[in-house]
Amino acid sequence: MSRICPISGKRPVRGRHIWRSGKAKKKGGIGTHVTAKTKRWFYPNLQRVKVLLPSGQVKFIRVAASVIKKGLITKAPVRTWKKPVLAKAA
């Protein structure tokens, strides 16, 4: 399963985690220095949501949290159907 949002197109991006050592000058040190740059991935915040599609079909899809916050999807209504109770013969 890919980590791509089908609506916003958000996907994992490469970046770096920068390691610094030393004490800041304004805190009384001689300044911080970069000692290493480790490569890493930044992943989108994907959530599994039950969505009502334009065709009327209800489906689970994985979308970014920002898409949910912006209201770009319509969440499916809560199902109210209950199993019918069979009457016992007495």
C-alpha atoms as a PDB file:
ATOM      1  CA  MET A   1       0.000   0.000   0.000  1.00  0.00           C
ATOM      2  CA  SER A   2       1.522   3.306  -1.079  1.00  0.00           C
ATOM      3  CA  ARG A   3       1.848   6.252   1.271  1.00  0.00           C
ATOM      4  CA  ILE A   4       0.278   8.734  -1.153  1.00  0.00           C
ATOM      5  CA  CYS A   5      -2.921  10.689  -0.468  1.00  0.00           C
ATOM      6  CA  PRO A   6      -5.276  10.243  -3.466  1.00  0.00           C
ATOM      7  CA  ILE A   7      -6.836  13.717  -2.980  1.00  0.00           C
ATOM      8  CA  SER A   8      -3.980  16.058  -2.058  1.00  0.00           C
ATOM      9  CA  GLY A   9      -1.173  14.039  -3.652  1.00  0.00           C
ATOM     10  CA  LYS A  10       0.977  14.270  -0.528  1.00  0.00           C
ATOM     11  CA  ARG A  11       3.757  11.691  -0.515  1.00  0.00           C
ATOM     12  CA  PRO A  12       6.915  10.924   1.474  1.00  0.00           C
ATOM     13  CA  VAL A  13       9.732  13.442   0.958  1.00  0.00           C
ATOM     14  CA  ARG A  14      13.436  13.108   1.665  1.00  0.00           C
ATOM     15  CA  GLY A  15      15.133  15.368   4.154  1.00  0.00           C
ATOM     16  CA  ARG A  16      17.900  15.515   6.722  1.00  0.00           C
ATOM     17  CA  HIS A  17      18.152  15.423  10.483  1.00  0.00           C
ATOM     18  CA  ILE A  18      20.913  17.862  11.419  1.00  0.00           C
ATOM     19  CA  TRP A  19      22.989  16.971  14.500  1.00  0.00           C
ATOM     20  CA  ARG A  20      24.441  19.962  16.339  1.00  0.00           C
ATOM     21  CA  SER A  21      26.826  20.116  19.260  1.00  0.00           C
ATOM     22  CA  GLY A  22      28.021  22.935  21.450  1.00  0.00           C
ATOM     23  CA  LYS A  23      26.420  25.725  23.431  1.00  0.00           C
ATOM     24  CA  ALA A  24      24.766  28.763  21.824  1.00  0.00           C
ATOM     25  CA  LYS A  25      26.692  32.035  21.966  1.00  0.00           C
ATOM     26  CA  LYS A  26      23.850  33.864  23.677  1.00  0.00           C
ATOM     27  CA  LYS A  27      23.909  31.198  26.400  1.00  0.00           C
ATOM     28  CA  GLY A  28      27.598  31.746  27.068  1.00  0.00           C
ATOM     29  CA  GLY A  29      29.134  29.184  24.712  1.00  0.00           C
ATOM     30  CA  ILE A  30      31.330  29.456  21.645  1.00  0.00           C
ATOM     31  CA  GLY A  31      28.466  28.582  19.259  1.00  0.00           C
ATOM     32  CA  THR A  32      26.882  25.427  17.922  1.00  0.00           C
ATOM     33  CA  HIS A  33      28.432  23.399  15.119  1.00  0.00           C
ATOM     34  CA  VAL A  34      26.899  20.884  12.735  1.00  0.00           C
ATOM     35  CA  THR A  35      28.521  17.498  13.329  1.00  0.00           C
ATOM     36  CA  ALA A  36      26.397  15.257  11.074  1.00  0.00           C
ATOM     37  CA  LYS A  37      23.530  15.288   8.588  1.00  0.00           C
ATOM     38  CA  THR A  38      21.566  12.046   8.607  1.00  0.00           C
ATOM     39  CA  LYS A  39      19.197  11.344   5.724  1.00  0.00           C
ATOM     40  CA  ARG A  40      15.609  10.573   6.680  1.00  0.00           C
ATOM     41  CA  TRP A  41      12.041  10.475   5.307  1.00  0.00           C
ATOM     42  CA  PHE A  42       9.116  12.737   6.216  1.00  0.00           C
ATOM     43  CA  TYR A  43       5.821  10.835   5.866  1.00  0.00           C
ATOM     44  CA  PRO A  44       2.364  12.382   5.377  1.00  0.00           C
ATOM     45  CA  ASN A  45      -0.160  11.984   8.197  1.00  0.00           C
ATOM     46  CA  LEU A  46      -2.473   9.469   6.486  1.00  0.00           C
ATOM     47  CA  GLN A  47      -5.682   8.380   8.195  1.00  0.00           C
ATOM     48  CA  ARG A  48      -8.048   5.557   7.226  1.00  0.00           C
ATOM     49  CA  VAL A  49     -11.488   7.125   6.757  1.00  0.00           C
ATOM     50  CA  LYS A  50     -14.862   5.824   5.577  1.00  0.00           C
ATOM     51  CA  VAL A  51     -15.810   8.187   2.746  1.00  0.00           C
ATOM     52  CA  LEU A  52     -19.010   8.751   0.777  1.00  0.00           C
ATOM     53  CA  LEU A  53     -17.962   8.895  -2.899  1.00  0.00           C
ATOM     54  CA  PRO A  54     -19.794  11.054  -5.499  1.00  0.00           C
ATOM     55  CA  SER A  55     -21.260   7.851  -6.994  1.00  0.00           C
ATOM     56  CA  GLY A  56     -22.972   7.140  -3.643  1.00  0.00           C
ATOM     57  CA  GLN A  57     -20.627   4.275  -2.790  1.00  0.00           C
ATOM     58  CA  VAL A  58     -19.138   4.062   0.720  1.00  0.00           C
ATOM     59  CA  LYS A  59     -15.475   3.115   0.818  1.00  0.00           C
ATOM     60  CA  PHE A  60     -12.460   3.179   3.128  1.00  0.00           C
ATOM     61  CA  ILE A  61      -9.579   5.293   1.798  1.00  0.00           C
ATOM     62  CA  ARG A  62      -6.378   6.628   3.318  1.00  0.00           C
ATOM     63  CA  VAL A  63      -6.260  10.427   3.156  1.00  0.00           C
ATOM     64  CA  ALA A  64      -4.043  13.084   4.708  1.00  0.00           C
ATOM     65  CA  ALA A  65      -5.254  14.662   7.957  1.00  0.00           C
ATOM     66  CA  SER A  66      -5.107  18.091   6.302  1.00  0.00           C
ATOM     67  CA  VAL A  67      -7.690  16.912   3.733  1.00  0.00           C
ATOM     68  CA  ILE A  68     -10.058  15.906   6.548  1.00  0.00           C
ATOM     69  CA  LYS A  69      -9.538  19.256   8.320  1.00  0.00           C
ATOM     70  CA  LYS A  70     -10.218  21.231   5.116  1.00  0.00           C
ATOM     71  CA  GLY A  71     -13.438  19.291   4.525  1.00  0.00           C
ATOM     72  CA  LEU A  72     -12.431  18.054   1.061  1.00  0.00           C
ATOM     73  CA  ILE A  73     -14.060  14.675   1.736  1.00  0.00           C
ATOM     74  CA  THR A  74     -17.552  13.701   2.868  1.00  0.00           C
ATOM     75  CA  LYS A  75     -17.512  11.223   5.717  1.00  0.00           C
ATOM     76  CA  ALA A  76     -20.010   8.389   5.422  1.00  0.00           C
ATOM     77  CA  PRO A  77     -23.023   8.601   7.764  1.00  0.00           C
ATOM     78  CA  VAL A  78     -23.095   6.310  10.776  1.00  0.00           C
ATOM     79  CA  ARG A  79     -25.005   3.152   9.955  1.00  0.00           C
ATOM     80  CA  THR A  80     -28.257   2.780  11.937  1.00  0.00           C
ATOM     81  CA  TRP A  81     -29.329  -0.609  10.576  1.00  0.00           C
ATOM     82  CA  LYS A  82     -29.689  -3.342  13.194  1.00  0.00           C
ATOM     83  CA  LYS A  83     -30.113  -7.064  12.838  1.00  0.00           C
ATOM     84  CA  PRO A  84     -33.796  -8.071  13.079  1.00  0.00           C
ATOM     85  CA  VAL A  85     -34.683  -9.941  16.264  1.00  0.00           C
ATOM     86  CA  LEU A  86     -36.364 -13.274  15.645  1.00  0.00           C
ATOM     87  CA  ALA A  87     -39.435 -13.919  17.804  1.00  0.00           C
ATOM     88  CA  LYS A  88     -39.214 -17.129  19.877  1.00  0.00           C
ATOM     89  CA  ALA A  89     -42.041 -19.601  19.395  1.00  0.00           C
ATOM     90  CA  ALA A  90     -43.649 -20.351  22.755  1.00  0.00           C
END
